Amino acid sequence: MLVYLSKLTEYFSALNIFGYVTFRAFMGAGTAFVLSLLFGRWMIARLCRRRLGQVVRSGKEMEAIGHGRKSGTPTMGGLLIIFTCLASSVLWCNPANPQVWLVAATMLFMGGVGLWDDVLKLRKKDSKGLGEKQKLALQALWVGLAFLWIQAVPGTREHVRELMVPFFKNPLVAHMSVAGALVFMWLVITGTTNAVNITDGLDGLAIGCTASVVGAYLVLAYVAGNAVLASYLLVPSISGSHELAVFCGCLLGSCLGFLWWNAYPAKVFMGDTGSLALGGTLAMVAILIKQELTLIIVGFVFVVEMASVILQRNWFRYTRLRYGEGRRLFRMAPFHHHVEIISKEQARAEGRSADSAENSVVIRFWIVSLVCALLGLATLKLR
């Protein structure tokens, strides 16, 4: 909305700064961060008052990592992420840009699915909410609607069926079929949303890793929206995608603001409301700027987390059929719990507090995520 101030430069030349994407991206990040600090404590208090506390699943595995104490911590904090990001976007993004509206709508839809899941968990007093098939069906529904939206926008229509691969300057597939494009979009959105959801298991882990991925896609969106840079770096030039850089700036500020409250020891959890909203938003930004497969590099932590769950499940089923008893590849899946158990055992053996091990694991995962984000950006030159 504030972008329109740049049209008043004939009265006051300094207002021209509101037309710059970089300025609005940084200001959007700052606005979202401040909003998170201002409303975070109030939202946490409201969640506590309504007794909307996290339901932690029981069992020997959960006892091994000592997460029982987290039961009752306010959840559905993803509402704070959604509110601060969208409020900041209203101020700093260009409301005439349809790509921004699509990404915002994706955040709301996926956040709504996550909210439904969280509410079911709280009502049942169980860690299981919506079934996997229900989530996949809802995600497929949104993919169909989003595809129609993208086809209706001239700036994205011509690229929607292209399959771009990192390190290659030309599309691997220049014109996929409608069915192929839909399946590919569904895989990207489903994989990303569920990967972020699975990663959300330690205080600050998912939101910290998401922040580095969002930062990388802020740069990628800016490049895609700048015809000169896109031509120089041999990446698809997507008309209007520079506004997605501003949206990513707002989202980055929201992530950092939520991390303020979610860092160890967490005062609030994002719940599926936040993890599905974040995953869906990241996936949609990647789809719109044709950097879907770059997510594998930039979001490598999410990929490892998802892969660990898939491998654990399938190996357990295979060994149960083959040997009569299920065996595990990891001490516990997702992978962060495997590392957490080992770290806590090492801490106890060395006479240190096991509680500090969780924070150490999270920080190391952040470091890996940041390095992967930088490697993903390096693909811009390696073509």
Protein backbone atom coordinates (compact mmCIF):
# COMPACT_ATOMS: atom_id res chain seq x y z
CA MET A 1 0.00 0.00 0.00
CA LEU A 2 2.80 2.43 0.90
CA VAL A 3 4.27 1.84 -2.55
CA TYR A 4 1.77 4.38 -3.87
CA LEU A 5 3.62 7.11 -1.97
CA SER A 6 6.33 6.84 -4.63
CA LYS A 7 3.85 8.40 -7.09
CA LEU A 8 3.92 11.63 -5.10
CA THR A 9 7.55 12.42 -5.86
CA GLU A 10 6.57 15.56 -7.74
CA TYR A 11 5.55 17.00 -4.36
CA PHE A 12 8.29 15.45 -2.25
CA SER A 13 11.18 13.72 -4.05
CA ALA A 14 12.23 11.65 -1.02
CA LEU A 15 9.05 9.59 -1.36
CA ASN A 16 10.66 7.89 -4.35
CA ILE A 17 12.30 5.51 -1.89
CA PHE A 18 8.96 3.73 -1.40
CA GLY A 19 9.23 2.48 -4.97
CA TYR A 20 12.42 0.54 -4.31
CA VAL A 21 11.93 -3.20 -3.78
CA THR A 22 14.97 -3.55 -1.51
CA PHE A 23 13.79 -0.73 0.78
CA ARG A 24 10.29 -2.18 1.07
CA ALA A 25 11.64 -5.70 1.67
CA PHE A 26 13.80 -4.51 4.57
CA MET A 27 11.05 -2.32 5.99
CA GLY A 28 8.57 -5.18 5.65
CA ALA A 29 10.93 -7.43 7.61
CA GLY A 30 11.34 -4.79 10.31
CA THR A 31 7.59 -4.15 10.54
CA ALA A 32 6.74 -7.85 10.86
CA PHE A 33 9.45 -8.33 13.49
CA VAL A 34 8.21 -5.41 15.61
CA LEU A 35 4.60 -6.60 15.30
CA SER A 36 5.70 -10.04 16.53
CA LEU A 37 7.31 -8.52 19.60
CA LEU A 38 4.30 -6.28 20.29
CA PHE A 39 1.61 -8.94 19.90
CA GLY A 40 3.54 -12.06 20.86
CA ARG A 41 3.10 -11.84 24.62
CA TRP A 42 -0.57 -10.93 24.23
CA MET A 43 -1.22 -13.91 21.95
CA ILE A 44 0.61 -16.31 24.25
CA ALA A 45 -1.48 -15.09 27.17
CA ARG A 46 -4.68 -15.61 25.16
CA LEU A 47 -3.65 -19.15 24.19
CA CYS A 48 -2.85 -19.94 27.84
CA ARG A 49 -6.16 -18.51 29.01
CA ARG A 50 -8.01 -20.77 26.60
CA ARG A 51 -5.82 -23.72 27.65
CA LEU A 52 -4.68 -24.38 24.10
CA GLY A 53 -1.62 -26.36 25.12
CA GLN A 54 0.52 -28.76 23.10
CA VAL A 55 -0.43 -32.44 23.27
CA VAL A 56 2.79 -34.50 23.40
CA ARG A 57 2.51 -38.12 22.35
CA SER A 58 3.41 -40.68 24.99
CA GLY A 59 5.72 -43.67 24.80
CA LYS A 60 9.24 -44.83 25.60
CA GLU A 61 10.70 -42.84 22.73
CA MET A 62 9.30 -39.56 24.03
CA GLU A 63 10.50 -40.41 27.54
CA ALA A 64 14.01 -40.92 26.14
CA ILE A 65 14.17 -37.35 24.88
CA GLY A 66 12.34 -35.88 27.87
CA HIS A 67 9.69 -33.92 25.99
CA GLY A 68 6.94 -34.70 28.46
CA ARG A 69 7.63 -31.39 30.22
CA LYS A 70 6.60 -29.55 27.04
CA SER A 71 3.03 -30.79 27.29
CA GLY A 72 0.73 -27.85 27.88
CA THR A 73 2.97 -25.26 26.21
CA PRO A 74 0.69 -22.94 24.16
CA THR A 75 0.37 -24.04 20.55
CA MET A 76 -1.16 -22.59 17.36
CA GLY A 77 1.42 -19.80 17.54
CA GLY A 78 1.47 -19.97 13.75
CA LEU A 79 -1.41 -17.49 13.93
CA LEU A 80 1.15 -14.90 15.01
CA ILE A 81 3.32 -15.67 11.97
CA ILE A 82 0.38 -15.40 9.58
CA PHE A 83 -0.96 -12.20 11.12
CA THR A 84 2.34 -10.32 11.27
CA CYS A 85 3.41 -11.40 7.77
CA LEU A 86 0.12 -10.48 6.10
CA ALA A 87 -0.25 -7.22 8.05
CA SER A 88 3.25 -6.17 7.03
CA SER A 89 2.60 -7.26 3.43
CA VAL A 90 -0.50 -5.07 3.24
CA LEU A 91 1.69 -2.09 4.12
CA TRP A 92 4.74 -2.78 1.98
CA CYS A 93 3.70 -4.95 -0.99
CA ASN A 94 2.04 -3.67 -4.14
CA PRO A 95 -1.63 -4.68 -3.80
CA ALA A 96 -1.99 -4.68 -7.60
CA ASN A 97 0.38 -7.64 -7.92
CA PRO A 98 -1.57 -10.94 -8.37
CA GLN A 99 1.41 -13.09 -7.38
CA VAL A 100 1.46 -11.58 -3.91
CA TRP A 101 -2.24 -12.32 -3.54
CA LEU A 102 -1.70 -15.95 -4.58
CA VAL A 103 1.12 -16.46 -2.06
CA ALA A 104 -0.93 -14.77 0.68
CA ALA A 105 -3.94 -16.93 -0.18
CA THR A 106 -1.75 -20.04 -0.04
CA MET A 107 -0.54 -19.04 3.41
CA LEU A 108 -4.12 -18.57 4.61
CA PHE A 109 -5.38 -21.82 3.08
CA MET A 110 -2.52 -23.98 4.37
CA GLY A 111 -2.66 -22.22 7.71
CA GLY A 112 -6.38 -22.99 7.84
CA VAL A 113 -5.71 -26.68 7.20
CA GLY A 114 -3.12 -26.63 9.97
CA LEU A 115 -5.50 -24.82 12.33
CA TRP A 116 -8.14 -27.48 11.71
CA ASP A 117 -5.54 -30.14 12.49
CA ASP A 118 -4.48 -28.39 15.71
CA VAL A 119 -8.09 -27.96 16.88
CA LEU A 120 -8.80 -31.67 16.34
CA LYS A 121 -5.72 -32.60 18.37
CA LEU A 122 -6.81 -30.39 21.24
CA ARG A 123 -10.37 -31.70 21.18
CA LYS A 124 -9.27 -35.33 21.13
CA LYS A 125 -6.43 -34.72 23.63
CA ASP A 126 -4.32 -36.69 21.17
CA SER A 127 -1.28 -35.89 19.01
CA LYS A 128 -3.15 -37.17 15.92
CA GLY A 129 -5.43 -34.71 14.16
CA LEU A 130 -6.32 -34.75 10.47
CA GLY A 131 -5.47 -37.96 8.67
CA GLU A 132 -2.71 -38.02 6.08
CA LYS A 133 -5.19 -38.67 3.25
CA GLN A 134 -7.31 -35.71 4.29
CA LYS A 135 -4.30 -33.38 4.30
CA LEU A 136 -3.12 -34.64 0.93
CA ALA A 137 -6.60 -34.19 -0.57
CA LEU A 138 -6.86 -30.62 0.71
CA GLN A 139 -3.40 -29.82 -0.61
CA ALA A 140 -4.37 -31.29 -3.98
CA LEU A 141 -7.49 -29.10 -4.00
CA TRP A 142 -5.38 -25.99 -3.50
CA VAL A 143 -2.92 -27.06 -6.21
CA GLY A 144 -5.79 -27.18 -8.70
CA LEU A 145 -7.05 -23.74 -7.70
CA ALA A 146 -3.53 -22.26 -7.71
CA PHE A 147 -2.83 -23.69 -11.16
CA LEU A 148 -5.91 -21.96 -12.56
CA TRP A 149 -4.81 -18.73 -10.84
CA ILE A 150 -1.31 -18.96 -12.35
CA GLN A 151 -2.74 -19.66 -15.80
CA ALA A 152 -4.83 -16.50 -15.54
CA VAL A 153 -1.82 -14.26 -14.85
CA PRO A 154 0.19 -13.28 -17.97
CA GLY A 155 3.47 -12.94 -16.07
CA THR A 156 3.44 -16.54 -14.82
CA ARG A 157 1.32 -18.33 -17.43
CA GLU A 158 4.17 -18.77 -19.91
CA HIS A 159 6.47 -20.42 -17.37
CA VAL A 160 4.10 -22.63 -15.37
CA ARG A 161 4.75 -25.72 -17.50
CA GLU A 162 8.53 -25.36 -17.58
CA LEU A 163 10.73 -27.66 -15.54
CA MET A 164 13.84 -25.80 -14.46
CA VAL A 165 16.78 -27.66 -12.91
CA PRO A 166 19.60 -26.04 -10.91
CA PHE A 167 22.90 -25.65 -12.84
CA PHE A 168 21.05 -25.66 -16.21
CA LYS A 169 20.26 -22.40 -18.01
CA ASN A 170 17.49 -23.83 -20.18
CA PRO A 171 14.38 -25.74 -19.02
CA LEU A 172 14.85 -29.50 -18.84
CA VAL A 173 11.26 -29.77 -20.07
CA ALA A 174 10.05 -26.70 -21.95
CA HIS A 175 6.35 -27.55 -22.04
CA MET A 176 4.94 -30.14 -19.65
CA SER A 177 1.43 -31.42 -20.07
CA VAL A 178 -1.29 -29.98 -17.84
CA ALA A 179 -1.40 -33.24 -15.89
CA GLY A 180 2.37 -33.28 -15.51
CA ALA A 181 2.45 -29.66 -14.31
CA LEU A 182 -0.32 -30.36 -11.78
CA VAL A 183 1.42 -33.45 -10.41
CA PHE A 184 4.71 -31.59 -10.17
CA MET A 185 3.09 -28.67 -8.33
CA TRP A 186 1.36 -31.08 -5.97
CA LEU A 187 4.63 -32.84 -5.19
CA VAL A 188 6.38 -29.52 -4.48
CA ILE A 189 3.64 -28.17 -2.22
CA THR A 190 2.93 -31.46 -0.45
CA GLY A 191 6.60 -32.27 0.04
CA THR A 192 7.50 -28.82 1.35
CA THR A 193 4.55 -28.39 3.71
CA ASN A 194 4.96 -31.83 5.25
CA ALA A 195 8.74 -31.50 5.47
CA VAL A 196 8.47 -28.26 7.45
CA ASN A 197 5.78 -29.87 9.60
CA ILE A 198 8.01 -32.85 10.40
CA THR A 199 10.97 -30.59 11.21
CA ASP A 200 8.93 -28.76 13.85
CA GLY A 201 9.96 -30.94 16.79
CA LEU A 202 12.52 -28.95 18.80
CA ASP A 203 12.34 -25.44 20.22
CA GLY A 204 13.22 -22.98 17.46
CA LEU A 205 14.31 -25.64 14.97
CA ALA A 206 11.74 -25.31 12.19
CA ILE A 207 11.35 -21.54 12.39
CA GLY A 208 15.12 -20.94 12.43
CA CYS A 209 15.69 -23.16 9.40
CA THR A 210 12.73 -21.58 7.63
CA ALA A 211 14.21 -18.12 8.16
CA SER A 212 17.38 -19.01 6.23
CA VAL A 213 15.34 -20.57 3.39
CA VAL A 214 13.10 -17.50 3.20
CA GLY A 215 16.17 -15.27 3.10
CA ALA A 216 17.53 -17.22 0.14
CA TYR A 217 14.23 -17.03 -1.73
CA LEU A 218 14.05 -13.31 -1.08
CA VAL A 219 17.22 -13.00 -3.17
CA LEU A 220 16.00 -15.49 -5.79
CA ALA A 221 12.68 -13.66 -6.17
CA TYR A 222 14.45 -10.32 -6.53
CA VAL A 223 16.67 -11.75 -9.28
CA ALA A 224 13.73 -13.33 -11.13
CA GLY A 225 11.87 -10.02 -11.05
CA ASN A 226 14.80 -8.02 -12.39
CA ALA A 227 15.06 -8.54 -16.14
CA VAL A 228 18.70 -7.42 -16.31
CA LEU A 229 19.89 -9.67 -13.47
CA ALA A 230 17.81 -12.60 -14.69
CA SER A 231 19.30 -12.31 -18.17
CA TYR A 232 22.83 -12.03 -16.79
CA LEU A 233 22.44 -15.02 -14.46
CA LEU A 234 20.49 -17.07 -17.05
CA VAL A 235 17.43 -17.68 -14.89
CA PRO A 236 13.77 -17.27 -15.92
CA SER A 237 12.65 -13.65 -15.85
CA ILE A 238 9.20 -13.62 -14.24
CA SER A 239 7.29 -10.39 -14.66
CA GLY A 240 6.09 -9.01 -11.33
CA SER A 241 7.99 -11.49 -9.14
CA HIS A 242 10.06 -8.69 -7.59
CA GLU A 243 7.09 -8.10 -5.28
CA LEU A 244 7.57 -11.62 -3.95
CA ALA A 245 10.92 -10.42 -2.62
CA VAL A 246 9.03 -7.85 -0.54
CA PHE A 247 6.65 -10.57 0.68
CA CYS A 248 9.62 -12.78 1.58
CA GLY A 249 11.06 -9.85 3.53
CA CYS A 250 7.83 -9.62 5.54
CA LEU A 251 7.87 -13.39 6.10
CA LEU A 252 11.51 -13.28 7.20
CA GLY A 253 10.66 -10.65 9.81
CA SER A 254 7.75 -12.78 11.02
CA CYS A 255 10.01 -15.83 11.33
CA LEU A 256 12.61 -13.93 13.35
CA GLY A 257 9.89 -12.38 15.50
CA PHE A 258 8.33 -15.76 16.22
CA LEU A 259 11.76 -17.19 17.00
CA TRP A 260 11.96 -14.60 19.80
CA TRP A 261 9.17 -16.49 21.57
CA ASN A 262 9.91 -19.98 20.24
CA ALA A 263 13.63 -20.14 21.10
CA TYR A 264 14.64 -22.58 23.84
CA PRO A 265 12.87 -22.84 26.21
CA ALA A 266 9.87 -22.17 23.97
CA LYS A 267 7.02 -20.07 25.31
CA VAL A 268 4.82 -21.02 22.35
CA PHE A 269 4.80 -23.58 19.54
CA MET A 270 3.73 -22.80 15.98
CA GLY A 271 1.70 -25.99 15.64
CA ASP A 272 0.50 -27.27 12.29
CA THR A 273 -1.08 -23.84 11.82
CA GLY A 274 2.37 -22.37 11.39
CA SER A 275 4.30 -25.24 9.82
CA LEU A 276 1.79 -25.90 7.03
CA ALA A 277 1.41 -22.17 6.34
CA LEU A 278 5.18 -21.71 6.12
CA GLY A 279 5.73 -24.79 3.96
CA GLY A 280 2.93 -23.89 1.57
CA THR A 281 4.15 -20.31 1.23
CA LEU A 282 7.73 -21.36 0.51
CA ALA A 283 6.55 -23.87 -2.08
CA MET A 284 4.33 -21.34 -3.86
CA VAL A 285 7.10 -18.74 -4.03
CA ALA A 286 9.43 -21.39 -5.49
CA ILE A 287 6.80 -22.40 -8.06
CA LEU A 288 6.12 -18.83 -9.17
CA ILE A 289 9.81 -17.98 -9.75
CA LYS A 290 10.58 -21.45 -11.22
CA GLN A 291 13.08 -22.40 -8.53
CA GLU A 292 11.21 -25.46 -7.24
CA LEU A 293 14.11 -27.93 -7.33
CA THR A 294 16.44 -25.40 -5.73
CA LEU A 295 14.38 -26.07 -2.59
CA ILE A 296 16.19 -29.40 -2.33
CA ILE A 297 19.48 -27.55 -1.86
CA VAL A 298 18.30 -24.51 0.09
CA GLY A 299 15.98 -26.56 2.30
CA PHE A 300 18.29 -29.56 2.65
CA VAL A 301 17.53 -29.84 6.38
CA PHE A 302 13.85 -30.29 5.54
CA VAL A 303 14.74 -32.89 2.91
CA VAL A 304 16.81 -34.90 5.42
CA GLU A 305 14.02 -34.74 8.01
CA MET A 306 11.41 -35.97 5.53
CA ALA A 307 13.71 -38.67 4.16
CA SER A 308 14.47 -39.97 7.67
CA VAL A 309 10.77 -40.52 8.37
CA ILE A 310 10.17 -42.25 5.02
CA LEU A 311 13.23 -44.50 5.46
CA GLN A 312 12.35 -45.33 9.05
CA ARG A 313 8.79 -46.33 8.19
CA ASN A 314 9.67 -48.42 5.16
CA TRP A 315 12.63 -50.14 6.78
CA PHE A 316 10.48 -51.02 9.80
CA ARG A 317 7.79 -52.52 7.56
CA TYR A 318 10.31 -54.41 5.43
CA THR A 319 12.14 -55.95 8.39
CA ARG A 320 8.88 -56.87 10.09
CA LEU A 321 7.83 -58.80 6.99
CA ARG A 322 11.30 -60.28 6.41
CA TYR A 323 12.41 -61.10 9.98
CA GLY A 324 9.17 -61.09 11.93
CA GLU A 325 10.09 -58.00 13.94
CA GLY A 326 10.42 -54.37 12.92
CA ARG A 327 13.87 -52.80 13.07
CA ARG A 328 14.85 -49.15 12.95
CA LEU A 329 17.51 -47.28 11.02
CA PHE A 330 17.49 -44.37 13.48
CA ARG A 331 17.06 -44.26 17.22
CA MET A 332 14.01 -42.12 16.55
CA ALA A 333 12.57 -40.29 13.56
CA PRO A 334 12.57 -37.51 12.43
CA PHE A 335 16.35 -37.22 12.27
CA HIS A 336 16.58 -34.35 14.77
CA HIS A 337 15.30 -36.67 17.51
CA HIS A 338 17.95 -39.26 16.58
CA VAL A 339 20.66 -36.62 16.99
CA GLU A 340 19.02 -35.30 20.16
CA ILE A 341 19.05 -38.70 21.86
CA ILE A 342 22.72 -39.23 21.04
CA SER A 343 23.62 -35.71 22.19
CA LYS A 344 21.80 -36.14 25.50
CA GLU A 345 23.49 -39.48 26.14
CA GLN A 346 26.88 -37.90 25.48
CA ALA A 347 26.04 -35.00 27.80
CA ARG A 348 25.08 -37.35 30.63
CA ALA A 349 28.23 -39.43 30.10
CA GLU A 350 30.32 -36.27 30.38
CA GLY A 351 28.49 -35.09 33.47
CA ARG A 352 26.81 -32.17 31.71
CA SER A 353 23.17 -31.15 31.80
CA ALA A 354 21.20 -33.05 29.16
CA ASP A 355 18.79 -30.12 28.78
CA SER A 356 21.44 -28.04 27.01
CA ALA A 357 21.84 -30.73 24.33
CA GLU A 358 18.56 -29.80 22.65
CA ASN A 359 19.68 -26.21 22.17
CA SER A 360 23.03 -27.38 20.76
CA VAL A 361 21.31 -29.62 18.23
CA VAL A 362 19.03 -26.79 17.10
CA ILE A 363 21.90 -24.32 16.62
CA ARG A 364 23.90 -26.85 14.61
CA PHE A 365 20.90 -27.51 12.37
CA TRP A 366 20.57 -23.74 11.88
CA ILE A 367 24.21 -23.59 10.78
CA VAL A 368 23.68 -26.39 8.25
CA SER A 369 20.52 -24.69 6.98
CA LEU A 370 22.34 -21.37 6.54
CA VAL A 371 25.20 -23.02 4.64
CA CYS A 372 22.71 -24.81 2.39
CA ALA A 373 20.90 -21.52 1.73
CA LEU A 374 24.19 -19.98 0.59
CA LEU A 375 24.93 -23.01 -1.59
CA GLY A 376 21.49 -22.65 -3.15
CA LEU A 377 22.24 -19.04 -4.01
CA ALA A 378 25.53 -20.15 -5.55
CA THR A 379 23.55 -22.07 -8.18
CA LEU A 380 22.69 -18.70 -9.72
CA LYS A 381 26.24 -18.46 -11.09
CA LEU A 382 26.87 -22.15 -11.74
CA ARG A 383 25.00 -22.58 -15.02
